[in-house]
Amino acid sequence: MSSIIPSPIARQPWAMLTPLILLTFFGAAVLYSAAGGKFSPFADTHLLRFAITMVMALIIASMPRDFVKLMAYPGYIIVLLLLVAVEAAGSLGGGSQRWLEVGPIRIQPSELMKPAVALALARFYDTLPTGMIGSWRALLPAGVIIALPVLLVLMQPDLGTALAILFSGAVVMFLAGLPMSWFLSAGALGAVAVPLAYSFALKPYQQRRVTTFLDPESDPLGSGYHITQSKIAIGSGGFSGKGFNEGSQSHLQYLPEPHTDFVFATMAEEWGFLGGLFVIVCFGLILAWGLSVARNAQNRFDRLLAAGMVATMFFYIAINLMMVMGMAPVVGIPLPFMSHGGSSMLTNMMCLGVLMMVYRWNTQRHGGGLLSS
């Protein structure tokens, strides 16, 4: 087979790329249906974004380890400054101030911060002596690295992205070997702080999301409308669905945001349990490959960096699926590789690019190498 398939192609991580490509094209089919049987404006831009970000991921995958380590802190600082710029001159959209616009370019720095935090933390713990892992020197600087962007993102306000940054950062800290007692104490403090955060930190619309999650039937035509219609769409799909382009909930506009946050519900109505199983299996294969990359990493920096990328993607997937099924509050997190959204595609393809990079480092150790020259 090696004589038939060119070596640069054979070296690619097809265990991840195959489910990724299948999932992306399946997402394009769902977006085609969500647009009423039209490629524009969702499916065509979805595939275009995937193609562009795949090139970006391959470029990231070719980067040397020393360069990545060198850019860890400067990259974090640059994105942090972009978040500050959002507060000073960001553009409004949907009641939130999350974007920077320069001519035709529109970026959401909070999305870039997810991988940037994981990279900065991996670099920090890579340089920290093992004997200091149980001391305050392992906790305080890392806490600042996480807290600064979380606070800036909460000011936008964007609770979902803030939680994603916090989650990926906590995963890196946990895998770095910080004492379990610290995490248990943080969990206890968090449980105590939840009522206070609900009363004083959350905006009124965010409070409604929490109460709706706890009792969506209390206001099925108001704050509970999203979750109620999503459950109806998923449940009506049954085992094999109503058929491609035959979904009534999305086509009759009962289902809000059928092409972004609730794309899984759009899919489940038309493809049923079998479609949902296909999506979950594809995500499982991608995440399992990412975990194998982290396990096979040759040093602490590689391992923590890869684990941080997997944690970021897992948060996207888990929260979105739980959200559309009524198992989590609606926080506006799209489903990776299926939802129509440039920021989500950019972030998750950056994570995959970093994982492909660590995969290349791993294989080079054994004499091979992804995209090696």
Protein backbone atom coordinates (compact mmCIF):
# COMPACT_ATOMS: atom_id res chain seq x y z
CA MET A 1 0.00 0.00 0.00
CA SER A 2 2.89 2.37 0.69
CA SER A 3 3.84 2.20 -2.99
CA ILE A 4 0.29 3.10 -4.05
CA ILE A 5 -0.51 5.84 -1.52
CA PRO A 6 1.94 8.78 -1.44
CA SER A 7 3.86 8.94 1.82
CA PRO A 8 2.68 12.47 2.84
CA ILE A 9 -0.93 11.29 2.55
CA ALA A 10 -0.34 7.97 4.29
CA ARG A 11 1.26 9.74 7.27
CA GLN A 12 -1.85 11.79 8.03
CA PRO A 13 -3.86 10.84 11.16
CA TRP A 14 -6.77 9.28 9.26
CA ALA A 15 -8.20 7.87 12.48
CA MET A 16 -9.22 11.46 13.23
CA LEU A 17 -9.53 12.94 9.74
CA THR A 18 -12.01 10.33 8.50
CA PRO A 19 -14.70 10.96 11.16
CA LEU A 20 -13.97 14.70 10.99
CA ILE A 21 -14.62 14.87 7.24
CA LEU A 22 -17.72 12.68 7.51
CA LEU A 23 -19.06 14.81 10.36
CA THR A 24 -18.41 18.08 8.53
CA PHE A 25 -20.12 16.95 5.33
CA PHE A 26 -23.02 15.52 7.32
CA GLY A 27 -23.27 18.92 9.03
CA ALA A 28 -23.38 20.56 5.60
CA ALA A 29 -26.31 18.29 4.65
CA VAL A 30 -28.16 19.29 7.82
CA LEU A 31 -27.48 22.98 7.13
CA TYR A 32 -28.73 22.48 3.55
CA SER A 33 -32.00 21.24 5.01
CA ALA A 34 -32.12 24.02 7.64
CA ALA A 35 -31.97 26.56 4.78
CA GLY A 36 -35.02 24.98 3.16
CA GLY A 37 -33.15 22.84 0.66
CA LYS A 38 -30.57 25.46 -0.39
CA PHE A 39 -26.78 25.46 -0.20
CA SER A 40 -26.79 29.17 0.53
CA PRO A 41 -26.35 30.75 3.01
CA PHE A 42 -25.35 27.98 5.43
CA ALA A 43 -23.96 24.85 3.78
CA ASP A 44 -21.70 26.58 1.26
CA THR A 45 -20.04 28.87 3.82
CA HIS A 46 -19.76 25.94 6.25
CA LEU A 47 -17.72 23.92 3.75
CA LEU A 48 -15.67 26.96 2.73
CA ARG A 49 -14.77 27.67 6.35
CA PHE A 50 -13.82 24.04 6.86
CA ALA A 51 -11.51 24.11 3.84
CA ILE A 52 -9.83 27.34 4.96
CA THR A 53 -9.40 26.26 8.58
CA MET A 54 -8.12 22.84 7.49
CA VAL A 55 -5.27 24.61 5.68
CA MET A 56 -4.68 26.60 8.86
CA ALA A 57 -4.64 23.37 10.91
CA LEU A 58 -2.05 21.82 8.59
CA ILE A 59 0.13 24.92 8.95
CA ILE A 60 -0.13 24.70 12.75
CA ALA A 61 0.69 20.98 12.56
CA SER A 62 4.01 21.77 10.84
CA MET A 63 5.29 24.07 13.60
CA PRO A 64 8.40 23.04 15.60
CA ARG A 65 8.19 22.57 19.35
CA ASP A 66 10.73 25.28 20.20
CA PHE A 67 8.79 27.90 18.25
CA VAL A 68 5.52 26.93 19.95
CA LYS A 69 7.11 27.18 23.38
CA LEU A 70 8.60 30.55 22.47
CA MET A 71 5.22 31.93 21.40
CA ALA A 72 3.18 30.53 24.32
CA TYR A 73 3.28 33.61 26.54
CA PRO A 74 3.41 36.28 23.78
CA GLY A 75 0.44 34.63 22.08
CA TYR A 76 -1.52 34.64 25.33
CA ILE A 77 -0.70 38.31 25.97
CA ILE A 78 -1.71 39.31 22.43
CA VAL A 79 -5.11 37.64 22.74
CA LEU A 80 -5.55 39.15 26.21
CA LEU A 81 -4.92 42.61 24.77
CA LEU A 82 -7.49 41.87 22.06
CA LEU A 83 -10.01 41.09 24.81
CA VAL A 84 -9.22 44.45 26.41
CA ALA A 85 -9.71 46.07 23.01
CA VAL A 86 -13.15 44.43 22.78
CA GLU A 87 -14.14 46.21 25.98
CA ALA A 88 -12.86 49.52 24.60
CA ALA A 89 -13.99 49.40 20.98
CA GLY A 90 -15.73 46.11 20.31
CA SER A 91 -18.80 45.85 18.10
CA LEU A 92 -22.19 44.86 19.47
CA GLY A 93 -24.16 41.84 18.32
CA GLY A 94 -27.13 40.13 19.94
CA GLY A 95 -26.85 42.35 23.01
CA SER A 96 -23.20 41.40 23.65
CA GLN A 97 -19.91 43.12 22.92
CA ARG A 98 -17.70 40.27 21.72
CA TRP A 99 -16.20 41.17 18.34
CA LEU A 100 -13.46 43.31 16.86
CA GLU A 101 -13.98 44.63 13.33
CA VAL A 102 -11.22 45.96 11.10
CA GLY A 103 -12.59 46.51 7.60
CA PRO A 104 -13.98 43.20 6.36
CA ILE A 105 -12.24 41.24 9.13
CA ARG A 106 -14.39 40.32 12.14
CA ILE A 107 -12.84 38.27 14.95
CA GLN A 108 -14.00 37.08 18.35
CA PRO A 109 -10.90 37.13 20.61
CA SER A 110 -12.63 35.12 23.36
CA GLU A 111 -12.63 32.11 21.01
CA LEU A 112 -8.88 32.45 20.43
CA MET A 113 -8.34 32.57 24.19
CA LYS A 114 -9.47 28.95 24.70
CA PRO A 115 -6.43 27.35 23.06
CA ALA A 116 -4.22 30.26 24.16
CA VAL A 117 -4.90 29.56 27.85
CA ALA A 118 -4.17 25.85 27.45
CA LEU A 119 -0.92 26.67 25.64
CA ALA A 120 0.20 29.19 28.29
CA LEU A 121 -0.58 26.79 31.13
CA ALA A 122 1.24 23.92 29.42
CA ARG A 123 4.28 26.15 29.06
CA PHE A 124 4.06 27.31 32.68
CA TYR A 125 3.92 23.80 34.14
CA ASP A 126 6.61 22.63 31.74
CA THR A 127 9.03 25.13 33.30
CA LEU A 128 7.87 24.62 36.90
CA PRO A 129 10.09 22.24 38.91
CA THR A 130 8.28 19.05 39.89
CA GLY A 131 8.92 19.72 43.58
CA MET A 132 6.83 22.91 43.42
CA ILE A 133 3.67 21.27 42.04
CA GLY A 134 2.14 21.08 45.51
CA SER A 135 3.01 24.67 46.48
CA TRP A 136 1.30 28.00 45.92
CA ARG A 137 3.76 28.68 43.08
CA ALA A 138 1.89 26.09 41.02
CA LEU A 139 -1.50 27.62 41.78
CA LEU A 140 -1.26 31.41 41.91
CA PRO A 141 0.33 32.20 38.50
CA ALA A 142 -1.88 29.62 36.77
CA GLY A 143 -4.93 31.07 38.50
CA VAL A 144 -4.04 34.52 37.18
CA ILE A 145 -3.57 33.14 33.64
CA ILE A 146 -7.11 31.75 33.79
CA ALA A 147 -8.84 34.48 35.81
CA LEU A 148 -7.86 37.47 33.65
CA PRO A 149 -9.53 36.28 30.43
CA VAL A 150 -12.48 34.76 32.32
CA LEU A 151 -13.26 38.13 33.92
CA LEU A 152 -12.90 39.98 30.62
CA VAL A 153 -15.18 37.49 28.83
CA LEU A 154 -17.78 37.71 31.59
CA MET A 155 -17.88 41.47 31.05
CA GLN A 156 -18.94 41.01 27.41
CA PRO A 157 -21.08 39.10 28.72
CA ASP A 158 -20.41 35.53 27.50
CA LEU A 159 -20.93 32.96 30.22
CA GLY A 160 -20.51 29.93 27.96
CA THR A 161 -17.09 30.96 26.67
CA ALA A 162 -15.95 31.94 30.17
CA LEU A 163 -16.90 28.47 31.44
CA ALA A 164 -15.09 26.86 28.50
CA ILE A 165 -11.86 28.74 29.32
CA LEU A 166 -12.22 27.83 32.98
CA PHE A 167 -12.86 24.17 32.19
CA SER A 168 -9.89 23.67 29.85
CA GLY A 169 -7.62 25.53 32.27
CA ALA A 170 -8.77 23.39 35.21
CA VAL A 171 -8.16 20.20 33.21
CA VAL A 172 -4.57 21.25 32.46
CA MET A 173 -3.99 22.11 36.13
CA PHE A 174 -5.43 18.76 37.23
CA LEU A 175 -3.26 16.77 34.81
CA ALA A 176 -0.21 18.79 35.85
CA GLY A 177 -0.51 17.05 39.21
CA LEU A 178 -1.91 19.69 41.56
CA PRO A 179 -3.25 18.18 44.81
CA MET A 180 -6.76 16.76 44.59
CA SER A 181 -7.66 18.52 47.85
CA TRP A 182 -7.34 21.86 46.05
CA PHE A 183 -9.91 20.86 43.46
CA LEU A 184 -12.27 19.50 46.10
CA SER A 185 -11.96 22.75 48.03
CA ALA A 186 -12.56 24.78 44.87
CA GLY A 187 -15.65 22.66 44.13
CA ALA A 188 -16.99 23.26 47.63
CA LEU A 189 -16.41 27.01 47.34
CA GLY A 190 -18.06 26.98 43.93
CA ALA A 191 -21.13 25.26 45.33
CA VAL A 192 -21.38 27.92 48.03
CA ALA A 193 -20.84 30.71 45.50
CA VAL A 194 -23.50 29.52 43.02
CA PRO A 195 -26.46 31.18 44.80
CA LEU A 196 -24.49 34.41 45.20
CA ALA A 197 -23.40 34.35 41.54
CA TYR A 198 -26.98 33.73 40.46
CA SER A 199 -28.27 36.68 42.46
CA PHE A 200 -25.52 39.24 41.85
CA ALA A 201 -23.30 38.19 38.90
CA LEU A 202 -25.71 36.89 36.28
CA LYS A 203 -27.68 39.13 33.97
CA PRO A 204 -31.50 38.78 34.09
CA TYR A 205 -31.55 36.80 30.82
CA GLN A 206 -28.89 34.46 32.21
CA GLN A 207 -30.95 33.94 35.36
CA ARG A 208 -33.94 33.03 33.20
CA ARG A 209 -31.83 30.44 31.42
CA VAL A 210 -31.04 28.76 34.75
CA THR A 211 -34.65 28.75 35.97
CA THR A 212 -35.81 27.53 32.56
CA PHE A 213 -33.32 24.67 32.69
CA LEU A 214 -34.68 23.64 36.10
CA ASP A 215 -38.33 23.89 34.99
CA PRO A 216 -38.72 24.43 31.23
CA GLU A 217 -42.45 23.71 31.33
CA SER A 218 -43.08 26.70 33.59
CA ASP A 219 -42.98 29.04 30.57
CA PRO A 220 -43.14 26.89 27.39
CA LEU A 221 -43.94 29.85 25.14
CA GLY A 222 -41.45 32.25 26.73
CA SER A 223 -38.10 31.47 28.32
CA GLY A 224 -38.66 27.72 27.98
CA TYR A 225 -39.48 27.87 24.28
CA HIS A 226 -36.02 26.92 23.00
CA ILE A 227 -35.64 23.79 25.11
CA THR A 228 -39.28 22.73 24.62
CA GLN A 229 -39.09 22.93 20.83
CA SER A 230 -35.70 21.23 20.79
CA LYS A 231 -37.06 18.28 22.76
CA ILE A 232 -40.06 18.05 20.43
CA ALA A 233 -37.78 18.01 17.38
CA ILE A 234 -35.46 15.34 18.82
CA GLY A 235 -38.30 13.17 20.08
CA SER A 236 -40.30 13.36 16.86
CA GLY A 237 -37.38 11.94 14.89
CA GLY A 238 -37.84 8.51 16.41
CA PHE A 239 -35.46 5.74 15.37
CA SER A 240 -34.68 6.68 11.76
CA GLY A 241 -36.11 10.23 11.45
CA LYS A 242 -38.67 11.86 9.20
CA GLY A 243 -36.34 11.90 6.21
CA PHE A 244 -33.81 14.26 4.72
CA ASN A 245 -35.21 17.77 4.22
CA GLU A 246 -38.53 16.70 5.79
CA GLY A 247 -38.18 18.26 9.24
CA SER A 248 -41.23 20.29 10.21
CA GLN A 249 -39.86 21.93 13.36
CA SER A 250 -37.04 23.70 11.51
CA HIS A 251 -38.82 24.28 8.19
CA LEU A 252 -41.88 25.79 9.86
CA GLN A 253 -39.58 27.87 12.10
CA TYR A 254 -40.77 26.40 15.39
CA LEU A 255 -37.19 25.48 16.30
CA PRO A 256 -35.06 28.55 17.13
CA GLU A 257 -31.53 28.75 15.70
CA PRO A 258 -31.85 25.48 13.71
CA HIS A 259 -28.53 26.12 11.95
CA THR A 260 -26.38 27.10 14.96
CA ASP A 261 -27.00 26.20 18.61
CA PHE A 262 -29.80 23.72 17.88
CA VAL A 263 -28.39 22.07 14.76
CA PHE A 264 -28.37 18.70 16.55
CA ALA A 265 -32.13 18.95 17.08
CA THR A 266 -32.55 19.79 13.38
CA MET A 267 -30.51 16.71 12.51
CA ALA A 268 -32.27 14.42 14.98
CA GLU A 269 -35.72 15.27 13.62
CA GLU A 270 -34.74 14.21 10.10
CA TRP A 271 -32.24 11.43 10.84
CA GLY A 272 -33.54 10.16 14.18
CA PHE A 273 -31.65 8.00 16.67
CA LEU A 274 -29.43 6.59 13.92
CA GLY A 275 -28.27 10.07 12.93
CA GLY A 276 -27.61 11.02 16.53
CA LEU A 277 -25.63 7.83 17.06
CA PHE A 278 -23.54 8.55 13.98
CA VAL A 279 -22.72 12.05 15.25
CA ILE A 280 -21.81 10.86 18.74
CA VAL A 281 -19.63 8.03 17.38
CA CYS A 282 -17.75 10.47 15.13
CA PHE A 283 -17.14 12.82 18.04
CA GLY A 284 -16.06 9.87 20.18
CA LEU A 285 -13.50 8.77 17.58
CA ILE A 286 -12.07 12.29 17.30
CA LEU A 287 -11.79 12.73 21.07
CA ALA A 288 -10.37 9.22 21.55
CA TRP A 289 -7.68 9.99 18.98
CA GLY A 290 -6.89 13.24 20.80
CA LEU A 291 -6.54 11.41 24.11
CA SER A 292 -4.22 8.86 22.50
CA VAL A 293 -2.05 11.74 21.25
CA ALA A 294 -1.87 13.12 24.80
CA ARG A 295 -1.07 9.69 26.28
CA ASN A 296 1.73 9.09 23.76
CA ALA A 297 3.29 12.52 24.29
CA GLN A 298 6.97 12.36 25.18
CA ASN A 299 7.12 15.17 27.75
CA ARG A 300 4.97 17.23 30.09
CA PHE A 301 4.54 20.18 27.75
CA ASP A 302 3.27 18.03 24.87
CA ARG A 303 0.96 16.04 27.13
CA LEU A 304 -0.64 19.05 28.82
CA LEU A 305 -0.97 20.95 25.54
CA ALA A 306 -2.75 18.04 23.84
CA ALA A 307 -4.99 17.42 26.85
CA GLY A 308 -5.99 21.10 26.93
CA MET A 309 -7.06 20.97 23.28
CA VAL A 310 -9.12 17.82 23.88
CA ALA A 311 -10.75 19.42 26.92
CA THR A 312 -11.72 22.49 24.87
CA MET A 313 -13.40 20.41 22.16
CA PHE A 314 -15.06 18.12 24.72
CA PHE A 315 -16.63 21.12 26.48
CA TYR A 316 -18.13 22.35 23.20
CA ILE A 317 -19.55 18.94 22.36
CA ALA A 318 -20.82 17.96 25.80
CA ILE A 319 -22.48 21.28 26.66
CA ASN A 320 -24.18 21.64 23.29
CA LEU A 321 -25.59 18.12 23.34
CA MET A 322 -26.74 18.48 26.95
CA MET A 323 -28.22 21.88 26.15
CA VAL A 324 -30.38 20.75 23.24
CA MET A 325 -31.63 17.79 25.29
CA GLY A 326 -32.59 19.98 28.24
CA MET A 327 -29.81 18.66 30.47
CA ALA A 328 -27.96 22.00 30.71
CA PRO A 329 -28.96 25.69 30.51
CA VAL A 330 -28.94 27.33 27.09
CA VAL A 331 -25.58 29.12 26.96
CA GLY A 332 -25.13 29.68 23.24
CA ILE A 333 -22.41 27.13 22.49
CA PRO A 334 -22.50 25.72 18.93
CA LEU A 335 -21.86 22.08 17.99
CA PRO A 336 -18.35 21.68 16.52
CA PHE A 337 -18.07 20.90 12.78
CA MET A 338 -21.85 20.90 12.34
CA SER A 339 -23.16 24.29 13.45
CA HIS A 340 -22.93 27.26 11.10
CA GLY A 341 -20.41 29.49 12.81
CA GLY A 342 -16.99 30.76 11.82
CA SER A 343 -15.69 31.32 15.36
CA SER A 344 -16.55 27.79 16.47
CA MET A 345 -14.98 26.26 13.36
CA LEU A 346 -11.85 28.37 13.84
CA THR A 347 -11.38 27.40 17.50
CA ASN A 348 -11.97 23.69 17.06
CA MET A 349 -9.79 23.44 13.95
CA MET A 350 -7.04 25.26 15.85
CA CYS A 351 -7.35 22.62 18.56
CA LEU A 352 -7.13 19.84 15.97
CA GLY A 353 -4.15 21.57 14.35
CA VAL A 354 -2.34 21.61 17.69
CA LEU A 355 -3.20 17.93 18.23
CA MET A 356 -1.87 17.09 14.76
CA MET A 357 1.26 19.01 15.69
CA VAL A 358 1.79 16.98 18.87
CA TYR A 359 0.99 13.83 16.87
CA ARG A 360 3.80 14.77 14.46
CA TRP A 361 6.18 15.32 17.38
CA ASN A 362 5.24 11.90 18.73
CA THR A 363 5.79 10.12 15.42
CA GLN A 364 9.09 11.90 14.76
CA ARG A 365 10.38 10.33 17.96
CA HIS A 366 9.89 6.93 16.31
CA GLY A 367 11.55 7.92 13.07
CA GLY A 368 8.40 8.92 11.18
CA GLY A 369 6.61 12.20 11.07
CA LEU A 370 3.43 13.87 10.00
CA LEU A 371 4.11 16.49 7.36
CA SER A 372 7.82 16.08 7.94
CA SER A 373 10.14 17.28 5.23
